[in-house]
């Protein structure tokens, strides 16, 4: 581990308080589906602005099977009804690959959306393709 101190920041993801190209990579897990399309576009544009090398977003993929799974297995796996309901809501508001690709291409050309792991999406762009 290097001697570089770790700095923490809390900020609005749609208006990051960092200058352009502040970070080599921006990586996000299970965040993208929480935003409607217009805000998802703003999120990607903002992340592309602060990322020098690129960005990676791993997120849920909307599909009937995960929704059925959460509805059946959720009450057995989660301790709270809120967790079961939140899990189902997250699956319902997640994007399909085509929807995520349309959003991404509209703001950061060259961004790729790929199906990974069961019912996940990987939204990625390398810095050479970012604005």
Protein backbone atom coordinates (compact mmCIF):
# COMPACT_ATOMS: atom_id res chain seq x y z
CA UNK A 1 0.00 0.00 0.00
CA UNK A 2 1.31 3.43 -0.91
CA UNK A 3 1.71 6.30 1.51
CA UNK A 4 -1.02 8.34 -0.18
CA UNK A 5 -3.66 9.36 2.37
CA UNK A 6 -7.25 8.47 1.68
CA UNK A 7 -9.60 11.44 1.31
CA UNK A 8 -13.34 11.02 1.69
CA UNK A 9 -16.00 13.20 0.12
CA UNK A 10 -19.78 13.27 0.17
CA UNK A 11 -21.33 14.92 -2.87
CA UNK A 12 -24.24 15.04 -5.28
CA UNK A 13 -23.43 12.41 -7.94
CA UNK A 14 -25.05 14.62 -10.58
CA UNK A 15 -22.79 17.60 -9.73
CA UNK A 16 -19.45 16.24 -8.55
CA UNK A 17 -17.26 18.89 -6.85
CA UNK A 18 -14.09 17.81 -8.68
CA UNK A 19 -12.26 19.35 -11.63
CA UNK A 20 -12.27 17.55 -14.99
CA UNK A 21 -10.15 14.39 -15.19
CA UNK A 22 -9.57 14.29 -11.41
CA UNK A 23 -9.62 10.48 -11.17
CA UNK A 24 -8.08 7.71 -13.22
CA UNK A 25 -11.18 5.51 -13.04
CA UNK A 26 -14.67 5.90 -11.62
CA UNK A 27 -16.31 2.66 -10.53
CA UNK A 28 -19.87 2.23 -9.32
CA UNK A 29 -21.87 -0.75 -8.13
CA UNK A 30 -25.66 -0.92 -7.96
CA UNK A 31 -26.25 2.83 -8.32
CA UNK A 32 -27.39 3.41 -11.92
CA UNK A 33 -30.88 1.90 -11.53
CA UNK A 34 -31.76 4.41 -8.81
CA UNK A 35 -31.99 7.25 -11.35
CA UNK A 36 -34.60 7.91 -14.04
CA UNK A 37 -33.26 8.12 -17.62
CA UNK A 38 -32.61 11.89 -17.67
CA UNK A 39 -30.67 11.74 -14.43
CA UNK A 40 -28.85 8.56 -15.52
CA UNK A 41 -27.65 10.51 -18.56
CA UNK A 42 -26.48 13.37 -16.31
CA UNK A 43 -24.74 10.87 -14.03
CA UNK A 44 -22.78 9.31 -16.91
CA UNK A 45 -21.87 12.73 -18.34
CA UNK A 46 -20.60 13.88 -14.94
CA UNK A 47 -18.64 10.69 -14.30
CA UNK A 48 -17.07 10.90 -17.77
CA UNK A 49 -16.07 14.51 -17.00
CA UNK A 50 -14.11 13.62 -13.85
CA UNK A 51 -12.62 10.34 -15.15
CA UNK A 52 -9.28 10.38 -16.95
CA UNK A 53 -9.05 6.72 -18.00
CA UNK A 54 -12.73 5.76 -17.96
CA UNK A 55 -15.60 4.44 -15.90
CA UNK A 56 -17.28 1.16 -15.01
CA UNK A 57 -20.82 0.79 -13.69
CA UNK A 58 -22.01 -2.63 -12.56
CA UNK A 59 -25.75 -2.66 -12.09
CA UNK A 60 -28.91 -4.72 -12.10
CA UNK A 61 -30.52 -5.82 -15.35
CA UNK A 62 -34.30 -5.73 -15.48
CA UNK A 63 -35.66 -9.22 -16.11
CA UNK A 64 -38.56 -11.33 -14.94
CA UNK A 65 -36.42 -14.07 -13.31
CA UNK A 66 -34.73 -11.86 -10.68
CA UNK A 67 -38.10 -10.32 -9.85
CA UNK A 68 -39.63 -13.76 -9.29
CA UNK A 69 -36.58 -14.81 -7.27
CA UNK A 70 -36.78 -11.77 -4.97
CA UNK A 71 -40.51 -12.30 -4.46
CA UNK A 72 -40.09 -16.00 -3.58
CA UNK A 73 -36.70 -16.13 -1.85
CA UNK A 74 -36.66 -12.59 -0.44
CA UNK A 75 -38.85 -13.35 2.58
CA UNK A 76 -36.51 -16.25 3.43
CA UNK A 77 -33.27 -14.33 2.88
CA UNK A 78 -34.06 -10.85 4.18
CA UNK A 79 -35.02 -10.00 7.74
CA UNK A 80 -37.27 -7.09 6.87
CA UNK A 81 -40.25 -6.64 4.59
CA UNK A 82 -38.69 -3.32 3.52
CA UNK A 83 -35.71 -5.24 2.09
CA UNK A 84 -38.00 -7.57 0.14
CA UNK A 85 -39.98 -4.64 -1.28
CA UNK A 86 -36.86 -2.62 -2.04
CA UNK A 87 -35.29 -5.58 -3.85
CA UNK A 88 -38.36 -6.00 -6.06
CA UNK A 89 -38.55 -2.25 -6.73
CA UNK A 90 -34.87 -2.19 -7.72
CA UNK A 91 -35.35 -5.01 -10.22
CA UNK A 92 -38.44 -3.33 -11.68
CA UNK A 93 -36.71 0.02 -12.16
CA UNK A 94 -33.44 -1.42 -13.48
CA UNK A 95 -32.64 -0.93 -17.15
CA UNK A 96 -32.57 -3.42 -19.99
CA UNK A 97 -29.30 -3.52 -21.96
CA UNK A 98 -30.95 -1.64 -24.84
CA UNK A 99 -32.27 1.10 -22.54
CA UNK A 100 -28.90 1.54 -20.82
CA UNK A 101 -27.12 1.62 -24.19
CA UNK A 102 -29.46 4.30 -25.52
CA UNK A 103 -28.90 6.48 -22.45
CA UNK A 104 -25.13 5.97 -22.49
CA UNK A 105 -24.65 6.58 -26.22
CA UNK A 106 -26.68 9.79 -26.03
CA UNK A 107 -24.18 11.40 -23.63
CA UNK A 108 -20.88 9.50 -23.83
CA UNK A 109 -20.34 8.07 -27.32
CA UNK A 110 -18.37 4.83 -27.37
CA UNK A 111 -19.82 3.59 -24.08
CA UNK A 112 -20.53 -0.14 -24.10
CA UNK A 113 -23.25 -2.00 -22.25
CA UNK A 114 -22.76 -5.71 -21.77
CA UNK A 115 -24.70 -8.44 -19.98
CA UNK A 116 -22.56 -9.96 -17.24
CA UNK A 117 -23.11 -12.34 -14.35
CA UNK A 118 -26.68 -13.45 -14.08
CA UNK A 119 -28.89 -10.42 -14.54
CA UNK A 120 -26.29 -7.69 -14.28
CA UNK A 121 -25.12 -4.99 -16.70
CA UNK A 122 -21.63 -3.59 -17.14
CA UNK A 123 -21.64 -0.06 -18.52
CA UNK A 124 -18.11 0.92 -19.49
CA UNK A 125 -16.09 3.49 -21.32
CA UNK A 126 -12.34 3.96 -21.58
CA UNK A 127 -10.86 7.45 -21.41
CA UNK A 128 -9.91 7.41 -25.08
CA UNK A 129 -13.63 7.31 -25.88
CA UNK A 130 -14.82 9.82 -23.24
CA UNK A 131 -15.42 13.47 -24.10
